[in-house]
Amino acid sequence: MLNIDAKGILTNTGRTTPIFPGIRPTTIIKEDYWASCVLNFDNPISLGESIPASVTFISPKYYANSLWLDKCLDIYEGSKVMGTFKVTEIVNPILDANDEKWIFIDGRDIHTLNDFFDQIEQNLTYKTDFKIGRNLNAFNDLLWGGFGIHEYEEPLHIVWIYAKKSIR
């Protein structure tokens, strides 16, 4: 059984044959991220029809803070848009852009202290031109907020996946 990440309304906007439950399309979940997902709903839907549905993303940790209510995702089959998914409920809190922020540090990519700071900079200053200092005092300042993805004293969850891979 797959964990549901969000619920919404699926509309067939471009596929002339019905869309069947359990289809595994892709979507652009962030401006620069394509995501594979599974769509579940009760009955096949024909062109122009809509149905309540749920979506499960294959790796939701990589799309943290990327959904909000009423967000409309284009659903792709190959390079063609076959439908849209309008978010009506966010089930996985990691994905909720309006909730507390989540970032994931990947231990498989950390071999040196500079690698650690590269990961922190990439995740905490996403979509900004802000460059961090390469020391623990600068890291502490960044954790307080106001410089990157979260505001001053806003709660932030940092999850270090594969942490044992970065232990020397």
N, C-alpha and C. Protein backbone atom coordinates (compact mmCIF):
# COMPACT_ATOMS: atom_id res chain seq x y z
N MET A 1 0.85 -1.20 0.00
CA MET A 1 0.00 0.00 0.00
C MET A 1 0.88 1.24 0.00
N LEU A 2 0.62 2.16 -0.90
CA LEU A 2 1.38 3.39 -1.01
C LEU A 2 0.84 4.44 -0.04
N ASN A 3 1.75 5.25 0.49
CA ASN A 3 1.34 6.36 1.34
C ASN A 3 0.84 7.50 0.46
N ILE A 4 -0.30 8.04 0.79
CA ILE A 4 -0.86 9.16 0.04
C ILE A 4 -0.15 10.44 0.47
N ASP A 5 0.30 11.22 -0.51
CA ASP A 5 0.94 12.50 -0.21
C ASP A 5 -0.04 13.67 -0.30
N ALA A 6 -0.99 13.58 -1.22
CA ALA A 6 -1.97 14.66 -1.36
C ALA A 6 -3.23 14.11 -2.02
N LYS A 7 -4.33 14.82 -1.77
CA LYS A 7 -5.60 14.50 -2.41
C LYS A 7 -6.01 15.70 -3.26
N GLY A 8 -6.80 15.43 -4.29
CA GLY A 8 -7.22 16.52 -5.14
C GLY A 8 -8.19 16.08 -6.21
N ILE A 9 -8.30 16.91 -7.22
CA ILE A 9 -9.19 16.65 -8.35
C ILE A 9 -8.33 16.45 -9.60
N LEU A 10 -8.47 15.27 -10.20
CA LEU A 10 -7.77 14.95 -11.44
C LEU A 10 -8.70 15.21 -12.61
N THR A 11 -8.21 15.92 -13.61
CA THR A 11 -8.99 16.21 -14.80
C THR A 11 -8.21 15.74 -16.03
N ASN A 12 -8.89 15.01 -16.90
CA ASN A 12 -8.30 14.57 -18.16
C ASN A 12 -8.44 15.73 -19.15
N THR A 13 -7.32 16.40 -19.45
CA THR A 13 -7.37 17.56 -20.34
C THR A 13 -6.75 17.31 -21.71
N GLY A 14 -6.14 16.14 -21.91
CA GLY A 14 -5.46 15.97 -23.18
C GLY A 14 -5.33 14.56 -23.70
N ARG A 15 -5.84 13.59 -22.99
CA ARG A 15 -5.71 12.21 -23.44
C ARG A 15 -7.05 11.76 -24.02
N THR A 16 -7.04 11.34 -25.27
CA THR A 16 -8.29 10.95 -25.93
C THR A 16 -8.80 9.60 -25.45
N THR A 17 -7.89 8.75 -24.97
CA THR A 17 -8.33 7.48 -24.37
C THR A 17 -8.41 7.70 -22.85
N PRO A 18 -9.18 6.90 -22.15
CA PRO A 18 -9.34 7.11 -20.70
C PRO A 18 -8.02 6.98 -19.93
N ILE A 19 -7.96 7.70 -18.82
CA ILE A 19 -6.85 7.57 -17.87
C ILE A 19 -7.31 6.56 -16.82
N PHE A 20 -6.51 5.53 -16.60
CA PHE A 20 -6.88 4.46 -15.68
C PHE A 20 -6.23 4.63 -14.31
N PRO A 21 -6.91 4.17 -13.25
CA PRO A 21 -6.35 4.24 -11.89
C PRO A 21 -4.99 3.53 -11.82
N GLY A 22 -4.08 4.08 -11.01
CA GLY A 22 -2.78 3.48 -10.82
C GLY A 22 -1.73 3.91 -11.83
N ILE A 23 -2.10 4.84 -12.72
CA ILE A 23 -1.15 5.32 -13.72
C ILE A 23 0.04 5.99 -13.02
N ARG A 24 1.21 5.90 -13.63
CA ARG A 24 2.45 6.45 -13.05
C ARG A 24 3.03 7.54 -13.96
N PRO A 25 2.44 8.72 -13.93
CA PRO A 25 2.91 9.81 -14.79
C PRO A 25 4.04 10.61 -14.10
N THR A 26 4.43 11.70 -14.74
CA THR A 26 5.36 12.65 -14.14
C THR A 26 4.68 14.01 -14.05
N THR A 27 5.25 14.87 -13.23
CA THR A 27 4.75 16.24 -13.09
C THR A 27 5.92 17.14 -12.73
N ILE A 28 5.77 18.42 -12.97
CA ILE A 28 6.78 19.38 -12.53
C ILE A 28 6.31 19.89 -11.18
N ILE A 29 6.91 19.35 -10.11
CA ILE A 29 6.45 19.68 -8.77
C ILE A 29 7.06 20.99 -8.26
N LYS A 30 8.28 21.29 -8.71
CA LYS A 30 8.93 22.56 -8.45
C LYS A 30 9.40 23.09 -9.79
N GLU A 31 9.78 24.33 -9.81
CA GLU A 31 10.19 24.96 -11.05
C GLU A 31 11.25 24.15 -11.80
N ASP A 32 12.15 23.53 -11.09
CA ASP A 32 13.25 22.81 -11.73
C ASP A 32 13.30 21.33 -11.34
N TYR A 33 12.17 20.75 -10.92
CA TYR A 33 12.13 19.35 -10.52
C TYR A 33 10.97 18.62 -11.19
N TRP A 34 11.29 17.57 -11.92
CA TRP A 34 10.28 16.64 -12.40
C TRP A 34 10.12 15.56 -11.37
N ALA A 35 8.91 15.12 -11.12
CA ALA A 35 8.65 14.09 -10.12
C ALA A 35 7.82 12.97 -10.71
N SER A 36 8.21 11.74 -10.41
CA SER A 36 7.39 10.59 -10.76
C SER A 36 6.37 10.38 -9.65
N CYS A 37 5.18 9.93 -10.01
CA CYS A 37 4.14 9.75 -9.02
C CYS A 37 3.20 8.62 -9.43
N VAL A 38 2.31 8.28 -8.52
CA VAL A 38 1.25 7.31 -8.79
C VAL A 38 -0.08 8.01 -8.49
N LEU A 39 -1.00 7.95 -9.43
CA LEU A 39 -2.33 8.54 -9.24
C LEU A 39 -3.34 7.42 -8.99
N ASN A 40 -4.09 7.56 -7.90
CA ASN A 40 -5.12 6.58 -7.57
C ASN A 40 -6.49 7.26 -7.54
N PHE A 41 -7.47 6.59 -8.14
CA PHE A 41 -8.85 7.08 -8.18
C PHE A 41 -9.72 5.88 -8.48
N ASP A 42 -11.03 6.04 -8.41
CA ASP A 42 -11.95 4.90 -8.47
C ASP A 42 -12.22 4.35 -9.86
N ASN A 43 -12.41 5.22 -10.84
CA ASN A 43 -12.84 4.76 -12.17
C ASN A 43 -12.03 5.47 -13.25
N PRO A 44 -11.89 4.85 -14.43
CA PRO A 44 -11.23 5.52 -15.54
C PRO A 44 -11.94 6.83 -15.88
N ILE A 45 -11.16 7.82 -16.33
CA ILE A 45 -11.79 9.10 -16.70
C ILE A 45 -11.47 9.43 -18.15
N SER A 46 -12.49 9.85 -18.86
CA SER A 46 -12.37 10.20 -20.28
C SER A 46 -12.02 11.67 -20.44
N LEU A 47 -11.70 12.05 -21.65
CA LEU A 47 -11.34 13.42 -21.97
C LEU A 47 -12.41 14.39 -21.48
N GLY A 48 -12.01 15.41 -20.74
CA GLY A 48 -12.93 16.42 -20.23
C GLY A 48 -13.55 16.09 -18.88
N GLU A 49 -13.36 14.88 -18.38
CA GLU A 49 -13.94 14.49 -17.09
C GLU A 49 -12.97 14.77 -15.93
N SER A 50 -13.55 14.90 -14.74
CA SER A 50 -12.78 15.10 -13.51
C SER A 50 -13.23 14.09 -12.47
N ILE A 51 -12.33 13.77 -11.52
CA ILE A 51 -12.64 12.80 -10.49
C ILE A 51 -11.76 13.07 -9.27
N PRO A 52 -12.28 12.84 -8.04
CA PRO A 52 -11.41 12.93 -6.86
C PRO A 52 -10.31 11.87 -6.97
N ALA A 53 -9.09 12.25 -6.60
CA ALA A 53 -7.95 11.35 -6.73
C ALA A 53 -6.94 11.62 -5.63
N SER A 54 -5.99 10.71 -5.51
CA SER A 54 -4.86 10.92 -4.59
C SER A 54 -3.57 10.73 -5.38
N VAL A 55 -2.52 11.36 -4.90
CA VAL A 55 -1.21 11.25 -5.54
C VAL A 55 -0.19 10.80 -4.52
N THR A 56 0.69 9.92 -4.95
CA THR A 56 1.82 9.47 -4.15
C THR A 56 3.08 9.74 -4.96
N PHE A 57 3.99 10.53 -4.40
CA PHE A 57 5.25 10.83 -5.07
C PHE A 57 6.27 9.76 -4.73
N ILE A 58 7.09 9.39 -5.69
CA ILE A 58 8.05 8.33 -5.50
C ILE A 58 9.09 8.70 -4.43
N SER A 59 9.56 9.93 -4.40
CA SER A 59 10.56 10.37 -3.41
C SER A 59 10.17 11.74 -2.85
N PRO A 60 9.16 11.80 -1.99
CA PRO A 60 8.67 13.12 -1.54
C PRO A 60 9.69 13.95 -0.78
N LYS A 61 10.69 13.32 -0.16
CA LYS A 61 11.68 14.08 0.60
C LYS A 61 12.42 15.08 -0.28
N TYR A 62 12.50 14.80 -1.58
CA TYR A 62 13.20 15.70 -2.50
C TYR A 62 12.35 16.88 -2.94
N TYR A 63 11.08 16.88 -2.57
CA TYR A 63 10.16 17.93 -2.99
C TYR A 63 9.57 18.65 -1.78
N ALA A 64 10.31 18.68 -0.68
CA ALA A 64 9.83 19.29 0.55
C ALA A 64 9.33 20.72 0.30
N ASN A 65 8.25 21.07 0.98
CA ASN A 65 7.69 22.43 0.94
C ASN A 65 7.23 22.86 -0.46
N SER A 66 6.74 21.93 -1.27
CA SER A 66 6.44 22.26 -2.66
C SER A 66 4.95 22.26 -3.02
N LEU A 67 4.09 21.92 -2.08
CA LEU A 67 2.65 21.91 -2.37
C LEU A 67 1.91 22.92 -1.50
N TRP A 68 0.82 23.43 -2.02
CA TRP A 68 -0.10 24.27 -1.27
C TRP A 68 -1.50 23.99 -1.80
N LEU A 69 -2.48 24.35 -1.00
CA LEU A 69 -3.87 24.13 -1.43
C LEU A 69 -4.15 24.89 -2.72
N ASP A 70 -4.89 24.26 -3.60
CA ASP A 70 -5.28 24.79 -4.91
C ASP A 70 -4.13 24.84 -5.92
N LYS A 71 -2.96 24.33 -5.57
CA LYS A 71 -1.88 24.25 -6.56
C LYS A 71 -2.33 23.29 -7.65
N CYS A 72 -2.08 23.66 -8.89
CA CYS A 72 -2.49 22.85 -10.03
C CYS A 72 -1.22 22.29 -10.70
N LEU A 73 -1.13 20.97 -10.71
CA LEU A 73 0.00 20.29 -11.32
C LEU A 73 -0.40 19.75 -12.69
N ASP A 74 0.40 20.03 -13.70
CA ASP A 74 0.20 19.40 -14.99
C ASP A 74 0.69 17.96 -14.89
N ILE A 75 -0.06 17.04 -15.43
CA ILE A 75 0.27 15.61 -15.38
C ILE A 75 0.72 15.20 -16.79
N TYR A 76 1.93 14.67 -16.86
CA TYR A 76 2.53 14.35 -18.15
C TYR A 76 2.58 12.85 -18.40
N GLU A 77 2.35 12.50 -19.65
CA GLU A 77 2.62 11.16 -20.16
C GLU A 77 3.66 11.38 -21.25
N GLY A 78 4.91 11.06 -20.94
CA GLY A 78 6.00 11.42 -21.83
C GLY A 78 6.13 12.93 -21.83
N SER A 79 6.15 13.54 -23.02
CA SER A 79 6.27 15.00 -23.10
C SER A 79 4.93 15.71 -23.24
N LYS A 80 3.83 14.93 -23.25
CA LYS A 80 2.50 15.50 -23.48
C LYS A 80 1.71 15.62 -22.18
N VAL A 81 1.09 16.79 -21.98
CA VAL A 81 0.22 16.99 -20.83
C VAL A 81 -1.08 16.23 -21.08
N MET A 82 -1.39 15.31 -20.17
CA MET A 82 -2.63 14.54 -20.35
C MET A 82 -3.71 14.97 -19.36
N GLY A 83 -3.32 15.73 -18.34
CA GLY A 83 -4.31 16.14 -17.36
C GLY A 83 -3.75 17.12 -16.35
N THR A 84 -4.60 17.47 -15.40
CA THR A 84 -4.18 18.34 -14.30
C THR A 84 -4.63 17.72 -12.99
N PHE A 85 -3.89 18.03 -11.93
CA PHE A 85 -4.24 17.59 -10.58
C PHE A 85 -4.26 18.84 -9.71
N LYS A 86 -5.45 19.18 -9.18
CA LYS A 86 -5.58 20.35 -8.31
C LYS A 86 -5.61 19.88 -6.87
N VAL A 87 -4.66 20.34 -6.06
CA VAL A 87 -4.50 19.90 -4.68
C VAL A 87 -5.62 20.47 -3.81
N THR A 88 -6.33 19.56 -3.10
CA THR A 88 -7.39 19.98 -2.17
C THR A 88 -7.03 19.65 -0.72
N GLU A 89 -6.07 18.73 -0.54
CA GLU A 89 -5.63 18.36 0.82
C GLU A 89 -4.20 17.85 0.74
N ILE A 90 -3.36 18.32 1.65
CA ILE A 90 -1.98 17.85 1.73
C ILE A 90 -1.89 16.89 2.90
N VAL A 91 -1.61 15.63 2.61
CA VAL A 91 -1.58 14.60 3.64
C VAL A 91 -0.18 14.48 4.25
N ASN A 92 0.86 14.59 3.44
CA ASN A 92 2.24 14.49 3.90
C ASN A 92 2.75 15.87 4.30
N PRO A 93 3.00 16.14 5.59
CA PRO A 93 3.38 17.48 6.03
C PRO A 93 4.71 17.95 5.47
N ILE A 94 5.57 17.04 5.06
CA ILE A 94 6.85 17.43 4.47
C ILE A 94 6.63 18.26 3.20
N LEU A 95 5.56 17.97 2.48
CA LEU A 95 5.31 18.64 1.21
C LEU A 95 4.60 19.98 1.35
N ASP A 96 4.07 20.29 2.53
CA ASP A 96 3.24 21.48 2.73
C ASP A 96 4.08 22.75 2.78
N ALA A 97 3.96 23.59 1.76
CA ALA A 97 4.72 24.84 1.70
C ALA A 97 4.24 25.84 2.74
N ASN A 98 3.03 25.68 3.25
CA ASN A 98 2.49 26.61 4.23
C ASN A 98 2.73 26.17 5.66
N ASP A 99 3.32 25.02 5.83
CA ASP A 99 3.58 24.48 7.16
C ASP A 99 5.05 24.70 7.50
N GLU A 100 5.54 24.04 8.52
CA GLU A 100 6.94 24.16 8.90
C GLU A 100 7.83 23.65 7.77
N LYS A 101 8.99 24.27 7.64
CA LYS A 101 9.91 23.92 6.56
C LYS A 101 10.70 22.66 6.89
N TRP A 102 10.99 21.89 5.85
CA TRP A 102 11.77 20.66 5.95
C TRP A 102 12.90 20.72 4.93
N ILE A 103 14.10 20.30 5.34
CA ILE A 103 15.18 20.09 4.38
C ILE A 103 15.81 18.74 4.66
N PHE A 104 16.40 18.18 3.63
CA PHE A 104 17.05 16.88 3.74
C PHE A 104 18.49 17.00 3.30
N ILE A 105 19.40 16.55 4.17
CA ILE A 105 20.82 16.52 3.87
C ILE A 105 21.15 15.07 3.53
N ASP A 106 21.83 14.85 2.42
CA ASP A 106 22.14 13.49 1.97
C ASP A 106 23.59 13.14 2.30
N GLY A 107 23.77 12.24 3.26
CA GLY A 107 25.10 11.84 3.71
C GLY A 107 25.94 11.19 2.63
N ARG A 108 25.32 10.66 1.59
CA ARG A 108 26.09 10.04 0.50
C ARG A 108 26.90 11.06 -0.26
N ASP A 109 26.52 12.35 -0.16
CA ASP A 109 27.22 13.40 -0.88
C ASP A 109 28.17 14.20 0.01
N ILE A 110 28.35 13.75 1.25
CA ILE A 110 29.21 14.49 2.19
C ILE A 110 30.44 13.66 2.52
N HIS A 111 31.59 14.15 2.06
CA HIS A 111 32.86 13.48 2.32
C HIS A 111 33.83 14.39 3.06
N THR A 112 33.58 15.70 2.98
CA THR A 112 34.43 16.69 3.64
C THR A 112 33.54 17.74 4.30
N LEU A 113 34.15 18.59 5.12
CA LEU A 113 33.40 19.68 5.74
C LEU A 113 32.85 20.63 4.68
N ASN A 114 33.61 20.86 3.61
CA ASN A 114 33.11 21.71 2.52
C ASN A 114 31.89 21.10 1.85
N ASP A 115 31.85 19.77 1.71
CA ASP A 115 30.66 19.10 1.16
C ASP A 115 29.44 19.37 2.04
N PHE A 116 29.64 19.33 3.37
CA PHE A 116 28.56 19.61 4.30
C PHE A 116 28.03 21.03 4.08
N PHE A 117 28.95 22.01 4.00
CA PHE A 117 28.51 23.38 3.81
C PHE A 117 27.87 23.58 2.43
N ASP A 118 28.31 22.83 1.41
CA ASP A 118 27.67 22.89 0.10
C ASP A 118 26.21 22.44 0.21
N GLN A 119 25.97 21.34 0.93
CA GLN A 119 24.60 20.83 1.11
C GLN A 119 23.74 21.84 1.87
N ILE A 120 24.29 22.40 2.93
CA ILE A 120 23.55 23.39 3.73
C ILE A 120 23.20 24.60 2.87
N GLU A 121 24.19 25.09 2.14
CA GLU A 121 23.94 26.26 1.28
C GLU A 121 22.89 25.95 0.22
N GLN A 122 22.99 24.80 -0.42
CA GLN A 122 22.04 24.41 -1.47
C GLN A 122 20.62 24.29 -0.92
N ASN A 123 20.47 23.76 0.29
CA ASN A 123 19.14 23.52 0.84
C ASN A 123 18.55 24.71 1.59
N LEU A 124 19.36 25.45 2.30
CA LEU A 124 18.82 26.54 3.13
C LEU A 124 18.77 27.88 2.42
N THR A 125 19.47 28.02 1.31
CA THR A 125 19.43 29.30 0.59
C THR A 125 18.89 29.10 -0.83
N TYR A 126 18.04 28.08 -0.99
CA TYR A 126 17.44 27.75 -2.29
C TYR A 126 16.79 28.98 -2.91
N LYS A 127 17.11 29.22 -4.18
CA LYS A 127 16.55 30.34 -4.96
C LYS A 127 16.94 31.71 -4.43
N THR A 128 18.08 31.81 -3.76
CA THR A 128 18.60 33.11 -3.37
C THR A 128 20.04 33.19 -3.86
N ASP A 129 20.59 34.38 -3.88
CA ASP A 129 22.00 34.55 -4.25
C ASP A 129 22.89 34.56 -3.00
N PHE A 130 22.30 34.25 -1.85
CA PHE A 130 23.02 34.31 -0.59
C PHE A 130 24.05 33.19 -0.51
N LYS A 131 25.29 33.53 -0.18
CA LYS A 131 26.35 32.56 0.03
C LYS A 131 26.69 32.54 1.52
N ILE A 132 26.85 31.33 2.07
CA ILE A 132 27.10 31.22 3.50
C ILE A 132 28.59 31.19 3.80
N GLY A 133 28.93 31.59 5.03
CA GLY A 133 30.30 31.42 5.52
C GLY A 133 30.56 29.95 5.77
N ARG A 134 31.77 29.54 5.66
CA ARG A 134 32.13 28.12 5.82
C ARG A 134 32.65 27.87 7.22
N ASN A 135 31.80 28.17 8.21
CA ASN A 135 32.17 27.92 9.61
C ASN A 135 30.90 27.70 10.42
N LEU A 136 31.07 27.18 11.64
CA LEU A 136 29.90 26.83 12.46
C LEU A 136 29.15 28.05 12.97
N ASN A 137 29.80 29.19 13.15
CA ASN A 137 29.09 30.40 13.56
C ASN A 137 28.13 30.86 12.45
N ALA A 138 28.58 30.81 11.21
CA ALA A 138 27.71 31.18 10.08
C ALA A 138 26.56 30.18 9.95
N PHE A 139 26.86 28.89 10.18
CA PHE A 139 25.82 27.86 10.14
C PHE A 139 24.76 28.15 11.21
N ASN A 140 25.19 28.50 12.41
CA ASN A 140 24.27 28.85 13.50
C ASN A 140 23.39 30.04 13.10
N ASP A 141 23.98 31.06 12.51
CA ASP A 141 23.20 32.22 12.06
C ASP A 141 22.15 31.81 11.03
N LEU A 142 22.54 30.92 10.12
CA LEU A 142 21.62 30.46 9.09
C LEU A 142 20.44 29.68 9.70
N LEU A 143 20.73 28.90 10.73
CA LEU A 143 19.67 28.13 11.38
C LEU A 143 18.64 29.03 12.07
N TRP A 144 19.06 30.19 12.53
CA TRP A 144 18.10 31.11 13.15
C TRP A 144 17.11 31.65 12.14
N GLY A 145 17.49 31.68 10.87
CA GLY A 145 16.57 32.11 9.82
C GLY A 145 16.77 33.54 9.39
N GLY A 146 16.00 33.92 8.37
CA GLY A 146 16.05 35.28 7.85
C GLY A 146 17.02 35.45 6.69
N PHE A 147 17.76 34.42 6.33
CA PHE A 147 18.76 34.53 5.26
C PHE A 147 18.42 33.69 4.04
N GLY A 148 17.55 32.73 4.17
CA GLY A 148 17.30 31.80 3.07
C GLY A 148 15.86 31.40 2.97
N ILE A 149 15.58 30.10 3.15
CA ILE A 149 14.23 29.57 2.91
C ILE A 149 13.27 29.80 4.06
N HIS A 150 13.78 30.13 5.24
CA HIS A 150 12.86 30.32 6.37
C HIS A 150 13.12 31.65 7.06
N GLU A 151 12.07 32.17 7.65
CA GLU A 151 12.13 33.46 8.32
C GLU A 151 12.78 33.32 9.70
N TYR A 152 13.15 34.44 10.28
CA TYR A 152 13.79 34.46 11.60
C TYR A 152 12.93 33.72 12.62
N GLU A 153 13.52 32.77 13.32
CA GLU A 153 12.92 31.93 14.36
C GLU A 153 11.75 31.06 13.87
N GLU A 154 11.58 30.94 12.56
CA GLU A 154 10.56 30.04 12.02
C GLU A 154 11.05 28.60 12.22
N PRO A 155 10.17 27.69 12.64
CA PRO A 155 10.60 26.29 12.84
C PRO A 155 11.15 25.69 11.55
N LEU A 156 12.17 24.86 11.72
CA LEU A 156 12.83 24.21 10.59
C LEU A 156 13.20 22.80 10.99
N HIS A 157 12.88 21.83 10.13
CA HIS A 157 13.24 20.44 10.37
C HIS A 157 14.36 20.07 9.41
N ILE A 158 15.47 19.58 9.96
CA ILE A 158 16.58 19.11 9.14
C ILE A 158 16.70 17.61 9.35
N VAL A 159 16.62 16.86 8.26
CA VAL A 159 16.73 15.40 8.32
C VAL A 159 17.99 15.02 7.55
N TRP A 160 18.89 14.32 8.21
CA TRP A 160 20.15 13.90 7.59
C TRP A 160 20.00 12.44 7.20
N ILE A 161 19.70 12.20 5.91
CA ILE A 161 19.54 10.83 5.44
C ILE A 161 20.93 10.26 5.12
N TYR A 162 21.07 8.97 5.28
CA TYR A 162 22.34 8.28 5.06
C TYR A 162 23.47 8.93 5.86
N ALA A 163 23.18 9.32 7.09
CA ALA A 163 24.17 9.99 7.93
C ALA A 163 25.42 9.12 8.14
N LYS A 164 25.25 7.83 8.26
CA LYS A 164 26.40 6.95 8.50
C LYS A 164 27.38 6.97 7.33
N LYS A 165 26.90 7.29 6.14
CA LYS A 165 27.79 7.35 4.97
C LYS A 165 28.77 8.52 5.06
N SER A 166 28.44 9.54 5.87
CA SER A 166 29.31 10.70 5.96
C SER A 166 30.20 10.68 7.21
N ILE A 167 30.11 9.64 8.01
CA ILE A 167 30.96 9.51 9.20
C ILE A 167 32.32 8.98 8.76
N ARG A 168 33.37 9.60 9.27
CA ARG A 168 34.73 9.17 8.91
C ARG A 168 35.38 8.48 10.06
